[in-house]
Amino acid sequence: MGDKQIIKGVVKGWGQLGAETLEKAKEEGGRILEGVISGEELLGLGRTMSDSELEFKKEEERRKSEEEAAKLRREMGPGRKLEEEMTQLRRQEQRDEEEKEKYYEREKQQREAERQRQESEYSDLMMESSNPAKQKKSRGSAFVQKKKKQQPTQSQMSQTQEFKGKLD
């Protein structure tokens, strides 16, 4: 019997919770309907004010917006000087561009100087190797007689003539 009473209590509790939920949903639904704007109100089809009231309302809204704008201007302080800022930015861009150009020009000059230095080193090497006196010595001369090689002695040669020099 105890289990049945527990189950009845749980079912009763669920029922009360459901009833409370429905009541809250009904209240919230009413609030939503109160806040919904009808199509007539949205499009301004239903005129509830006379022309003078409408004019007064517009004037009041315009005055409020002017007051708000004046308040914002006071809070912000003096306005920014955009023209001066723009000229400063242009000058800065020009300086940056000039610095880049100078940098690239220096790099170009350094590369050119390095190329010329390497070229001169190469031409100096070519001049050294193309020295006519050295070339003549390496080619030989028709008037210079070559030294004859001396024949090796018997002790320098082995019996098979494979090795020069003495055997150990």
N, C-alpha and C. Protein backbone atom coordinates (compact mmCIF):
# COMPACT_ATOMS: atom_id res chain seq x y z
N MET A 1 0.80 -1.19 0.00
CA MET A 1 0.00 0.00 0.00
C MET A 1 0.85 1.26 0.00
N GLY A 2 2.05 1.21 0.57
CA GLY A 2 2.94 2.37 0.64
C GLY A 2 3.39 2.82 -0.72
N ASP A 3 3.63 1.82 -1.61
CA ASP A 3 4.09 2.16 -2.96
C ASP A 3 3.01 2.90 -3.73
N LYS A 4 1.74 2.50 -3.53
CA LYS A 4 0.64 3.15 -4.24
C LYS A 4 0.48 4.60 -3.80
N GLN A 5 0.69 4.86 -2.50
CA GLN A 5 0.56 6.22 -2.00
C GLN A 5 1.68 7.11 -2.53
N ILE A 6 2.89 6.54 -2.68
CA ILE A 6 4.03 7.30 -3.22
C ILE A 6 3.76 7.67 -4.67
N ILE A 7 3.24 6.70 -5.42
CA ILE A 7 2.94 6.93 -6.83
C ILE A 7 1.85 7.98 -6.97
N LYS A 8 0.80 7.90 -6.10
CA LYS A 8 -0.27 8.90 -6.14
C LYS A 8 0.30 10.29 -5.83
N GLY A 9 1.21 10.37 -4.86
CA GLY A 9 1.81 11.66 -4.49
C GLY A 9 2.65 12.24 -5.65
N VAL A 10 3.39 11.36 -6.34
CA VAL A 10 4.21 11.82 -7.47
C VAL A 10 3.32 12.32 -8.59
N VAL A 11 2.21 11.56 -8.87
CA VAL A 11 1.29 11.95 -9.94
C VAL A 11 0.61 13.26 -9.59
N LYS A 12 0.22 13.41 -8.32
CA LYS A 12 -0.42 14.64 -7.87
C LYS A 12 0.54 15.82 -8.00
N GLY A 13 1.81 15.61 -7.65
CA GLY A 13 2.84 16.66 -7.77
C GLY A 13 3.05 17.07 -9.22
N TRP A 14 3.06 16.05 -10.10
CA TRP A 14 3.23 16.34 -11.54
C TRP A 14 2.04 17.14 -12.05
N GLY A 15 0.88 16.81 -11.57
CA GLY A 15 -0.34 17.53 -11.97
C GLY A 15 -0.29 18.99 -11.56
N GLN A 16 0.14 19.23 -10.32
CA GLN A 16 0.26 20.61 -9.83
C GLN A 16 1.31 21.39 -10.63
N LEU A 17 2.41 20.73 -10.93
CA LEU A 17 3.48 21.37 -11.72
C LEU A 17 2.97 21.74 -13.11
N GLY A 18 2.20 20.83 -13.73
CA GLY A 18 1.62 21.10 -15.05
C GLY A 18 0.67 22.27 -15.00
N ALA A 19 -0.15 22.34 -13.94
CA ALA A 19 -1.12 23.43 -13.81
C ALA A 19 -0.40 24.77 -13.65
N GLU A 20 0.64 24.80 -12.84
CA GLU A 20 1.42 26.03 -12.66
C GLU A 20 2.06 26.47 -13.97
N THR A 21 2.57 25.51 -14.72
CA THR A 21 3.22 25.81 -16.00
C THR A 21 2.22 26.42 -16.97
N LEU A 22 1.01 25.85 -17.04
CA LEU A 22 -0.02 26.39 -17.92
C LEU A 22 -0.40 27.81 -17.51
N GLU A 23 -0.50 28.04 -16.22
CA GLU A 23 -0.85 29.37 -15.73
C GLU A 23 0.22 30.40 -16.11
N LYS A 24 1.49 30.04 -15.95
CA LYS A 24 2.60 30.94 -16.30
C LYS A 24 2.61 31.20 -17.81
N ALA A 25 2.37 30.15 -18.60
CA ALA A 25 2.35 30.30 -20.05
C ALA A 25 1.23 31.23 -20.47
N LYS A 26 0.08 31.13 -19.82
CA LYS A 26 -1.06 31.99 -20.12
C LYS A 26 -0.72 33.44 -19.82
N GLU A 27 -0.07 33.70 -18.68
CA GLU A 27 0.32 35.06 -18.31
C GLU A 27 1.32 35.64 -19.32
N GLU A 28 2.33 34.84 -19.68
CA GLU A 28 3.34 35.30 -20.64
C GLU A 28 2.72 35.53 -22.01
N GLY A 29 1.78 34.69 -22.41
CA GLY A 29 1.08 34.88 -23.69
C GLY A 29 0.33 36.19 -23.71
N GLY A 30 -0.29 36.52 -22.60
CA GLY A 30 -1.00 37.81 -22.50
C GLY A 30 -0.04 38.98 -22.64
N ARG A 31 1.10 38.89 -22.02
CA ARG A 31 2.11 39.96 -22.12
C ARG A 31 2.61 40.11 -23.56
N ILE A 32 2.78 38.98 -24.22
CA ILE A 32 3.25 39.02 -25.61
C ILE A 32 2.21 39.70 -26.48
N LEU A 33 0.95 39.35 -26.30
CA LEU A 33 -0.11 39.95 -27.10
C LEU A 33 -0.22 41.46 -26.85
N GLU A 34 0.04 41.88 -25.61
CA GLU A 34 0.00 43.31 -25.30
C GLU A 34 1.12 44.05 -26.04
N GLY A 35 2.26 43.42 -26.19
CA GLY A 35 3.42 44.05 -26.82
C GLY A 35 3.42 43.99 -28.33
N VAL A 36 2.53 43.20 -28.93
CA VAL A 36 2.50 43.05 -30.38
C VAL A 36 1.90 44.30 -31.01
N ILE A 37 2.55 44.81 -32.06
CA ILE A 37 2.05 45.98 -32.77
C ILE A 37 1.23 45.49 -33.94
N SER A 38 0.09 46.03 -34.11
CA SER A 38 -0.76 45.60 -35.22
C SER A 38 -0.24 46.21 -36.52
N GLY A 39 -0.75 45.68 -37.63
CA GLY A 39 -0.33 46.18 -38.93
C GLY A 39 -0.75 47.62 -39.14
N GLU A 40 -1.90 47.98 -38.63
CA GLU A 40 -2.38 49.36 -38.78
C GLU A 40 -1.45 50.31 -38.04
N GLU A 41 -1.08 49.94 -36.82
CA GLU A 41 -0.18 50.81 -36.06
C GLU A 41 1.17 50.91 -36.74
N LEU A 42 1.66 49.79 -37.26
CA LEU A 42 2.97 49.76 -37.90
C LEU A 42 3.00 50.64 -39.14
N LEU A 43 1.97 50.57 -39.94
CA LEU A 43 1.92 51.35 -41.18
C LEU A 43 1.35 52.74 -40.96
N GLY A 44 0.83 52.99 -39.79
CA GLY A 44 0.26 54.31 -39.50
C GLY A 44 -1.08 54.52 -40.15
N LEU A 45 -1.80 53.43 -40.39
CA LEU A 45 -3.10 53.55 -41.04
C LEU A 45 -4.17 54.07 -40.07
N GLY A 46 -4.08 53.66 -38.86
CA GLY A 46 -5.06 54.10 -37.87
C GLY A 46 -4.59 55.40 -37.24
N ARG A 47 -5.27 56.49 -37.55
CA ARG A 47 -4.86 57.79 -37.02
C ARG A 47 -5.58 58.01 -35.70
N THR A 48 -4.78 58.09 -34.66
CA THR A 48 -5.36 58.31 -33.34
C THR A 48 -5.13 59.74 -32.90
N MET A 49 -4.25 60.47 -33.61
CA MET A 49 -3.96 61.84 -33.21
C MET A 49 -4.45 62.80 -34.29
N SER A 50 -4.72 63.99 -33.85
CA SER A 50 -5.11 65.02 -34.81
C SER A 50 -3.84 65.60 -35.43
N ASP A 51 -4.01 66.45 -36.41
CA ASP A 51 -2.86 67.05 -37.09
C ASP A 51 -2.02 67.90 -36.14
N SER A 52 -2.67 68.64 -35.27
CA SER A 52 -1.92 69.50 -34.35
C SER A 52 -1.13 68.66 -33.35
N GLU A 53 -1.73 67.57 -32.85
CA GLU A 53 -1.02 66.69 -31.93
C GLU A 53 0.16 66.03 -32.63
N LEU A 54 -0.05 65.62 -33.87
CA LEU A 54 1.02 64.99 -34.65
C LEU A 54 2.17 65.97 -34.87
N GLU A 55 1.84 67.21 -35.19
CA GLU A 55 2.85 68.25 -35.40
C GLU A 55 3.62 68.51 -34.11
N PHE A 56 2.88 68.58 -32.98
CA PHE A 56 3.52 68.80 -31.68
C PHE A 56 4.48 67.65 -31.35
N LYS A 57 4.04 66.44 -31.62
CA LYS A 57 4.85 65.24 -31.34
C LYS A 57 6.15 65.26 -32.19
N LYS A 58 6.02 65.61 -33.47
CA LYS A 58 7.20 65.68 -34.34
C LYS A 58 8.18 66.75 -33.86
N GLU A 59 7.65 67.88 -33.47
CA GLU A 59 8.51 68.98 -32.97
C GLU A 59 9.22 68.54 -31.70
N GLU A 60 8.51 67.85 -30.84
CA GLU A 60 9.11 67.38 -29.59
C GLU A 60 10.23 66.36 -29.86
N GLU A 61 10.02 65.45 -30.79
CA GLU A 61 11.05 64.46 -31.14
C GLU A 61 12.27 65.13 -31.75
N ARG A 62 12.03 66.15 -32.62
CA ARG A 62 13.14 66.88 -33.23
C ARG A 62 13.96 67.60 -32.16
N ARG A 63 13.27 68.24 -31.22
CA ARG A 63 13.95 68.95 -30.14
C ARG A 63 14.78 67.98 -29.28
N LYS A 64 14.21 66.82 -28.98
CA LYS A 64 14.94 65.82 -28.19
C LYS A 64 16.20 65.35 -28.93
N SER A 65 16.07 65.12 -30.23
CA SER A 65 17.25 64.66 -30.99
C SER A 65 18.32 65.74 -31.05
N GLU A 66 17.92 67.01 -31.15
CA GLU A 66 18.91 68.11 -31.14
C GLU A 66 19.60 68.19 -29.80
N GLU A 67 18.83 68.05 -28.72
CA GLU A 67 19.42 68.07 -27.37
C GLU A 67 20.41 66.92 -27.20
N GLU A 68 20.03 65.75 -27.69
CA GLU A 68 20.91 64.58 -27.59
C GLU A 68 22.20 64.81 -28.37
N ALA A 69 22.10 65.39 -29.57
CA ALA A 69 23.29 65.67 -30.39
C ALA A 69 24.19 66.68 -29.70
N ALA A 70 23.59 67.73 -29.10
CA ALA A 70 24.37 68.75 -28.39
C ALA A 70 25.08 68.12 -27.19
N LYS A 71 24.37 67.25 -26.49
CA LYS A 71 24.95 66.57 -25.32
C LYS A 71 26.16 65.72 -25.74
N LEU A 72 26.00 64.99 -26.84
CA LEU A 72 27.11 64.16 -27.33
C LEU A 72 28.30 65.02 -27.73
N ARG A 73 28.04 66.17 -28.37
CA ARG A 73 29.15 67.07 -28.76
C ARG A 73 29.89 67.57 -27.53
N ARG A 74 29.14 67.93 -26.48
CA ARG A 74 29.79 68.40 -25.25
C ARG A 74 30.64 67.31 -24.62
N GLU A 75 30.13 66.07 -24.62
CA GLU A 75 30.86 64.96 -24.01
C GLU A 75 32.12 64.63 -24.79
N MET A 76 32.05 64.74 -26.10
CA MET A 76 33.21 64.38 -26.92
C MET A 76 34.29 65.44 -26.89
N GLY A 77 33.94 66.65 -26.53
CA GLY A 77 34.92 67.72 -26.51
C GLY A 77 35.08 68.30 -27.91
N PRO A 78 36.18 69.00 -28.13
CA PRO A 78 36.37 69.60 -29.45
C PRO A 78 36.49 68.51 -30.51
N GLY A 79 36.00 68.81 -31.69
CA GLY A 79 36.01 67.83 -32.77
C GLY A 79 37.41 67.53 -33.27
N ARG A 80 37.54 66.43 -33.94
CA ARG A 80 38.85 66.04 -34.50
C ARG A 80 39.14 66.91 -35.71
N LYS A 81 40.39 67.19 -35.90
CA LYS A 81 40.81 67.97 -37.06
C LYS A 81 41.21 66.99 -38.16
N LEU A 82 40.20 66.58 -38.90
CA LEU A 82 40.40 65.52 -39.89
C LEU A 82 41.35 65.95 -40.99
N GLU A 83 41.26 67.19 -41.42
CA GLU A 83 42.12 67.65 -42.52
C GLU A 83 43.60 67.57 -42.12
N GLU A 84 43.89 68.00 -40.89
CA GLU A 84 45.28 67.91 -40.41
C GLU A 84 45.74 66.46 -40.30
N GLU A 85 44.87 65.62 -39.78
CA GLU A 85 45.22 64.21 -39.65
C GLU A 85 45.47 63.58 -41.02
N MET A 86 44.65 63.94 -42.00
CA MET A 86 44.83 63.39 -43.35
C MET A 86 46.15 63.86 -43.95
N THR A 87 46.50 65.14 -43.78
CA THR A 87 47.77 65.62 -44.33
C THR A 87 48.95 64.94 -43.63
N GLN A 88 48.84 64.73 -42.32
CA GLN A 88 49.91 64.04 -41.61
C GLN A 88 50.06 62.61 -42.11
N LEU A 89 48.94 61.93 -42.35
CA LEU A 89 49.00 60.57 -42.87
C LEU A 89 49.63 60.54 -44.26
N ARG A 90 49.27 61.52 -45.10
CA ARG A 90 49.86 61.57 -46.44
C ARG A 90 51.37 61.78 -46.36
N ARG A 91 51.78 62.70 -45.49
CA ARG A 91 53.23 62.94 -45.32
C ARG A 91 53.94 61.69 -44.85
N GLN A 92 53.33 61.01 -43.88
CA GLN A 92 53.94 59.79 -43.35
C GLN A 92 54.07 58.74 -44.45
N GLU A 93 53.03 58.60 -45.27
CA GLU A 93 53.09 57.64 -46.38
C GLU A 93 54.19 58.02 -47.36
N GLN A 94 54.32 59.32 -47.64
CA GLN A 94 55.37 59.77 -48.56
C GLN A 94 56.75 59.45 -47.98
N ARG A 95 56.94 59.73 -46.69
CA ARG A 95 58.24 59.44 -46.06
C ARG A 95 58.54 57.94 -46.12
N ASP A 96 57.53 57.14 -45.81
CA ASP A 96 57.72 55.69 -45.86
C ASP A 96 58.09 55.24 -47.27
N GLU A 97 57.41 55.80 -48.26
CA GLU A 97 57.68 55.42 -49.65
C GLU A 97 59.10 55.85 -50.05
N GLU A 98 59.50 57.05 -49.63
CA GLU A 98 60.85 57.53 -49.95
C GLU A 98 61.91 56.66 -49.28
N GLU A 99 61.66 56.27 -48.03
CA GLU A 99 62.60 55.40 -47.33
C GLU A 99 62.73 54.05 -48.04
N LYS A 100 61.60 53.52 -48.50
CA LYS A 100 61.64 52.25 -49.24
C LYS A 100 62.46 52.41 -50.51
N GLU A 101 62.21 53.51 -51.24
CA GLU A 101 62.94 53.74 -52.48
C GLU A 101 64.44 53.86 -52.22
N LYS A 102 64.81 54.61 -51.17
CA LYS A 102 66.23 54.76 -50.82
C LYS A 102 66.84 53.41 -50.47
N TYR A 103 66.10 52.62 -49.70
CA TYR A 103 66.60 51.31 -49.30
C TYR A 103 66.85 50.43 -50.53
N TYR A 104 65.86 50.39 -51.43
CA TYR A 104 66.03 49.56 -52.62
C TYR A 104 67.13 50.09 -53.52
N GLU A 105 67.31 51.42 -53.56
CA GLU A 105 68.39 52.00 -54.37
C GLU A 105 69.75 51.62 -53.77
N ARG A 106 69.86 51.68 -52.43
CA ARG A 106 71.12 51.27 -51.79
C ARG A 106 71.41 49.79 -52.06
N GLU A 107 70.37 48.96 -51.94
CA GLU A 107 70.54 47.54 -52.22
C GLU A 107 71.01 47.32 -53.65
N LYS A 108 70.43 48.06 -54.59
CA LYS A 108 70.79 47.94 -56.00
C LYS A 108 72.25 48.36 -56.20
N GLN A 109 72.65 49.47 -55.56
CA GLN A 109 74.03 49.94 -55.69
C GLN A 109 75.00 48.93 -55.08
N GLN A 110 74.64 48.36 -53.94
CA GLN A 110 75.51 47.37 -53.31
C GLN A 110 75.66 46.13 -54.19
N ARG A 111 74.56 45.69 -54.79
CA ARG A 111 74.64 44.53 -55.70
C ARG A 111 75.50 44.85 -56.91
N GLU A 112 75.35 46.07 -57.44
CA GLU A 112 76.15 46.48 -58.60
C GLU A 112 77.63 46.55 -58.23
N ALA A 113 77.94 47.12 -57.04
CA ALA A 113 79.33 47.21 -56.60
C ALA A 113 79.91 45.81 -56.40
N GLU A 114 79.12 44.90 -55.82
CA GLU A 114 79.58 43.52 -55.62
C GLU A 114 79.83 42.84 -56.96
N ARG A 115 78.94 43.07 -57.91
CA ARG A 115 79.11 42.48 -59.25
C ARG A 115 80.37 43.02 -59.91
N GLN A 116 80.60 44.33 -59.79
CA GLN A 116 81.81 44.91 -60.39
C GLN A 116 83.07 44.39 -59.71
N ARG A 117 83.02 44.25 -58.39
CA ARG A 117 84.19 43.74 -57.67
C ARG A 117 84.50 42.31 -58.12
N GLN A 118 83.46 41.49 -58.23
CA GLN A 118 83.67 40.11 -58.68
C GLN A 118 84.18 40.08 -60.11
N GLU A 119 83.67 40.98 -60.93
CA GLU A 119 84.10 41.04 -62.32
C GLU A 119 85.58 41.43 -62.41
N SER A 120 85.97 42.41 -61.57
CA SER A 120 87.38 42.84 -61.60
C SER A 120 88.29 41.72 -61.07
N GLU A 121 87.85 41.01 -60.02
CA GLU A 121 88.64 39.89 -59.53
C GLU A 121 88.81 38.83 -60.61
N TYR A 122 87.74 38.56 -61.31
CA TYR A 122 87.78 37.56 -62.37
C TYR A 122 88.72 38.01 -63.50
N SER A 123 88.63 39.30 -63.86
CA SER A 123 89.51 39.78 -64.93
C SER A 123 90.97 39.78 -64.46
N ASP A 124 91.22 40.07 -63.18
CA ASP A 124 92.59 40.01 -62.65
C ASP A 124 93.11 38.57 -62.72
N LEU A 125 92.27 37.62 -62.36
CA LEU A 125 92.68 36.22 -62.44
C LEU A 125 92.97 35.83 -63.89
N MET A 126 92.15 36.31 -64.79
CA MET A 126 92.36 36.00 -66.20
C MET A 126 93.66 36.62 -66.70
N MET A 127 93.97 37.82 -66.21
CA MET A 127 95.21 38.47 -66.62
C MET A 127 96.41 37.68 -66.10
N GLU A 128 96.31 37.20 -64.89
CA GLU A 128 97.42 36.42 -64.33
C GLU A 128 97.62 35.14 -65.13
N SER A 129 96.55 34.48 -65.45
CA SER A 129 96.69 33.20 -66.15
C SER A 129 97.02 33.40 -67.63
N SER A 130 96.73 34.59 -68.14
CA SER A 130 97.05 34.82 -69.55
C SER A 130 98.33 35.64 -69.72
N ASN A 131 99.21 35.59 -68.73
CA ASN A 131 100.50 36.27 -68.82
C ASN A 131 101.30 35.61 -69.95
N PRO A 132 101.72 36.38 -70.95
CA PRO A 132 102.40 35.78 -72.10
C PRO A 132 103.69 35.06 -71.74
N ALA A 133 104.42 35.56 -70.77
CA ALA A 133 105.69 34.92 -70.40
C ALA A 133 105.41 33.54 -69.83
N LYS A 134 104.40 33.44 -68.99
CA LYS A 134 104.08 32.14 -68.42
C LYS A 134 103.57 31.19 -69.49
N GLN A 135 102.79 31.74 -70.40
CA GLN A 135 102.28 30.89 -71.47
C GLN A 135 103.44 30.36 -72.32
N LYS A 136 104.41 31.21 -72.57
CA LYS A 136 105.54 30.80 -73.39
C LYS A 136 106.32 29.68 -72.69
N LYS A 137 106.48 29.84 -71.37
CA LYS A 137 107.20 28.81 -70.63
C LYS A 137 106.44 27.50 -70.68
N SER A 138 105.14 27.59 -70.55
CA SER A 138 104.38 26.34 -70.54
C SER A 138 104.37 25.69 -71.92
N ARG A 139 104.39 26.52 -72.97
CA ARG A 139 104.38 25.95 -74.31
C ARG A 139 105.77 25.48 -74.71
N GLY A 140 106.73 26.17 -74.23
CA GLY A 140 108.09 25.84 -74.63
C GLY A 140 108.52 26.71 -75.79
N SER A 141 109.77 26.66 -76.09
CA SER A 141 110.29 27.49 -77.18
C SER A 141 111.00 26.59 -78.17
N ALA A 142 111.03 27.03 -79.38
CA ALA A 142 111.69 26.23 -80.42
C ALA A 142 113.20 26.25 -80.25
N PHE A 143 113.75 27.28 -79.64
CA PHE A 143 115.19 27.41 -79.49
C PHE A 143 115.71 26.78 -78.23
N VAL A 144 114.83 26.59 -77.24
CA VAL A 144 115.28 26.00 -75.99
C VAL A 144 115.31 24.50 -76.14
N GLN A 145 116.45 23.93 -75.78
CA GLN A 145 116.56 22.48 -75.88
C GLN A 145 116.15 21.87 -74.55
N LYS A 146 115.44 20.78 -74.66
CA LYS A 146 114.98 20.11 -73.45
C LYS A 146 116.13 19.32 -72.87
N LYS A 147 116.10 19.23 -71.55
CA LYS A 147 117.11 18.42 -70.88
C LYS A 147 116.78 16.97 -71.10
N LYS A 148 117.80 16.22 -71.34
CA LYS A 148 117.59 14.80 -71.51
C LYS A 148 117.55 14.15 -70.14
N LYS A 149 116.69 13.20 -70.03
CA LYS A 149 116.59 12.49 -68.76
C LYS A 149 117.74 11.51 -68.67
N GLN A 150 118.19 11.39 -67.47
CA GLN A 150 119.28 10.46 -67.22
C GLN A 150 118.72 9.07 -67.11
N GLN A 151 119.39 8.13 -67.69
CA GLN A 151 118.97 6.74 -67.63
C GLN A 151 119.15 6.23 -66.21
N PRO A 152 118.20 5.44 -65.68
CA PRO A 152 118.37 4.91 -64.34
C PRO A 152 119.50 3.88 -64.30
N THR A 153 120.09 3.82 -63.17
CA THR A 153 121.18 2.86 -63.02
C THR A 153 120.59 1.49 -62.76
N GLN A 154 121.46 0.49 -62.83
CA GLN A 154 121.03 -0.88 -62.64
C GLN A 154 120.46 -1.07 -61.23
N SER A 155 120.99 -0.38 -60.24
CA SER A 155 120.52 -0.56 -58.87
C SER A 155 119.14 0.09 -58.67
N GLN A 156 118.82 1.05 -59.49
CA GLN A 156 117.52 1.69 -59.38
C GLN A 156 116.42 0.84 -60.00
N MET A 157 116.78 0.01 -60.93
CA MET A 157 115.78 -0.80 -61.59
C MET A 157 115.73 -2.18 -60.96
N SER A 158 114.59 -2.77 -60.96
CA SER A 158 114.50 -4.14 -60.48
C SER A 158 114.75 -5.05 -61.65
N GLN A 159 114.76 -6.31 -61.40
CA GLN A 159 115.03 -7.25 -62.48
C GLN A 159 113.87 -7.30 -63.46
N THR A 160 112.66 -7.03 -63.00
CA THR A 160 111.51 -7.08 -63.90
C THR A 160 111.18 -5.72 -64.47
N GLN A 161 111.85 -4.73 -64.06
CA GLN A 161 111.68 -3.34 -64.48
C GLN A 161 110.28 -2.80 -64.16
N GLU A 162 109.68 -3.31 -63.09
CA GLU A 162 108.39 -2.78 -62.69
C GLU A 162 108.54 -1.64 -61.71
N PHE A 163 109.55 -1.70 -60.91
CA PHE A 163 109.72 -0.72 -59.85
C PHE A 163 110.96 0.07 -60.06
N LYS A 164 110.90 1.34 -59.80
CA LYS A 164 112.09 2.17 -59.83
C LYS A 164 112.56 2.28 -58.39
N GLY A 165 113.76 2.36 -58.22
CA GLY A 165 114.33 2.49 -56.87
C GLY A 165 114.78 1.15 -56.34
N LYS A 166 115.36 1.16 -55.17
CA LYS A 166 115.90 -0.05 -54.56
C LYS A 166 114.79 -0.86 -53.94
N LEU A 167 115.02 -2.16 -53.90
CA LEU A 167 114.10 -3.06 -53.22
C LEU A 167 114.54 -3.23 -51.80
N ASP A 168 113.63 -3.43 -50.93
CA ASP A 168 113.97 -3.67 -49.54
C ASP A 168 114.24 -5.10 -49.28
